[in-house]
């Protein structure tokens, strides 16, 4: 999931450099959403890992 967020971030940077503002904005929003989803899943995994050891 983090991999895809980074890929969309790179696409946004490249598109922004070439002036494709619509594509850059869309890729940036997708990267943000994927990063937030990754963080939520990561926190859930951490909490589940701590509970499993006890």
C-alpha atoms as a PDB file:
ATOM      1  CA  UNK A   1       0.000   0.000   0.000  1.00  0.00           C
ATOM      2  CA  UNK A   2       2.820   2.381   0.868  1.00  0.00           C
ATOM      3  CA  UNK A   3       4.459   1.377  -2.420  1.00  0.00           C
ATOM      4  CA  UNK A   4       1.444   2.595  -4.388  1.00  0.00           C
ATOM      5  CA  UNK A   5       1.297   5.841  -2.433  1.00  0.00           C
ATOM      6  CA  UNK A   6       4.924   6.525  -3.321  1.00  0.00           C
ATOM      7  CA  UNK A   7       4.286   5.640  -6.987  1.00  0.00           C
ATOM      8  CA  UNK A   8       1.363   8.075  -7.194  1.00  0.00           C
ATOM      9  CA  UNK A   9       3.452  10.748  -5.454  1.00  0.00           C
ATOM     10  CA  UNK A  10       6.202  10.328  -8.047  1.00  0.00           C
ATOM     11  CA  UNK A  11       3.631  10.491 -10.863  1.00  0.00           C
ATOM     12  CA  UNK A  12       2.260  13.706  -9.339  1.00  0.00           C
ATOM     13  CA  UNK A  13       5.706  15.281  -9.146  1.00  0.00           C
ATOM     14  CA  UNK A  14       6.554  14.352 -12.731  1.00  0.00           C
ATOM     15  CA  UNK A  15       3.151  15.505 -14.027  1.00  0.00           C
ATOM     16  CA  UNK A  16       3.484  18.774 -12.134  1.00  0.00           C
ATOM     17  CA  UNK A  17       6.933  19.367 -13.596  1.00  0.00           C
ATOM     18  CA  UNK A  18       5.578  18.949 -17.124  1.00  0.00           C
ATOM     19  CA  UNK A  19       2.553  21.151 -16.476  1.00  0.00           C
ATOM     20  CA  UNK A  20      -0.212  18.532 -16.389  1.00  0.00           C
ATOM     21  CA  UNK A  21      -1.896  20.096 -13.395  1.00  0.00           C
ATOM     22  CA  UNK A  22      -5.068  17.994 -13.566  1.00  0.00           C
ATOM     23  CA  UNK A  23      -3.125  14.737 -13.578  1.00  0.00           C
ATOM     24  CA  UNK A  24      -0.770  15.992 -10.871  1.00  0.00           C
ATOM     25  CA  UNK A  25      -3.636  17.003  -8.611  1.00  0.00           C
ATOM     26  CA  UNK A  26      -5.424  13.691  -9.052  1.00  0.00           C
ATOM     27  CA  UNK A  27      -2.268  11.654  -8.445  1.00  0.00           C
ATOM     28  CA  UNK A  28      -1.501  13.714  -5.346  1.00  0.00           C
ATOM     29  CA  UNK A  29      -4.958  13.088  -3.909  1.00  0.00           C
ATOM     30  CA  UNK A  30      -4.688   9.348  -4.601  1.00  0.00           C
ATOM     31  CA  UNK A  31      -1.257   9.274  -2.936  1.00  0.00           C
ATOM     32  CA  UNK A  32      -2.633  11.053   0.146  1.00  0.00           C
ATOM     33  CA  UNK A  33      -5.576   8.668   0.443  1.00  0.00           C
ATOM     34  CA  UNK A  34      -3.393   5.577   0.041  1.00  0.00           C
ATOM     35  CA  UNK A  35      -0.912   6.890   2.620  1.00  0.00           C
ATOM     36  CA  UNK A  36      -3.678   7.482   5.175  1.00  0.00           C
ATOM     37  CA  UNK A  37      -5.102   3.997   4.537  1.00  0.00           C
ATOM     38  CA  UNK A  38      -1.595   2.564   4.999  1.00  0.00           C
ATOM     39  CA  UNK A  39      -1.179   4.383   8.311  1.00  0.00           C
ATOM     40  CA  UNK A  40      -4.552   3.140   9.576  1.00  0.00           C
ATOM     41  CA  UNK A  41      -3.729  -0.464   8.655  1.00  0.00           C
ATOM     42  CA  UNK A  42      -0.276  -0.090  10.237  1.00  0.00           C
ATOM     43  CA  UNK A  43      -1.732   1.149  13.543  1.00  0.00           C
ATOM     44  CA  UNK A  44      -4.305  -1.653  13.561  1.00  0.00           C
ATOM     45  CA  UNK A  45      -1.514  -4.174  12.966  1.00  0.00           C
ATOM     46  CA  UNK A  46       0.531  -2.737  15.816  1.00  0.00           C
ATOM     47  CA  UNK A  47      -2.405  -2.919  18.219  1.00  0.00           C
ATOM     48  CA  UNK A  48      -3.205  -6.462  17.099  1.00  0.00           C
ATOM     49  CA  UNK A  49       0.426  -7.489  17.521  1.00  0.00           C
ATOM     50  CA  UNK A  50       0.585  -6.203  21.073  1.00  0.00           C
ATOM     51  CA  UNK A  51      -2.598  -8.021  22.030  1.00  0.00           C
ATOM     52  CA  UNK A  52      -1.431 -11.305  20.479  1.00  0.00           C
ATOM     53  CA  UNK A  53       1.711 -11.546  22.625  1.00  0.00           C
ATOM     54  CA  UNK A  54      -0.125 -11.498  25.950  1.00  0.00           C
END
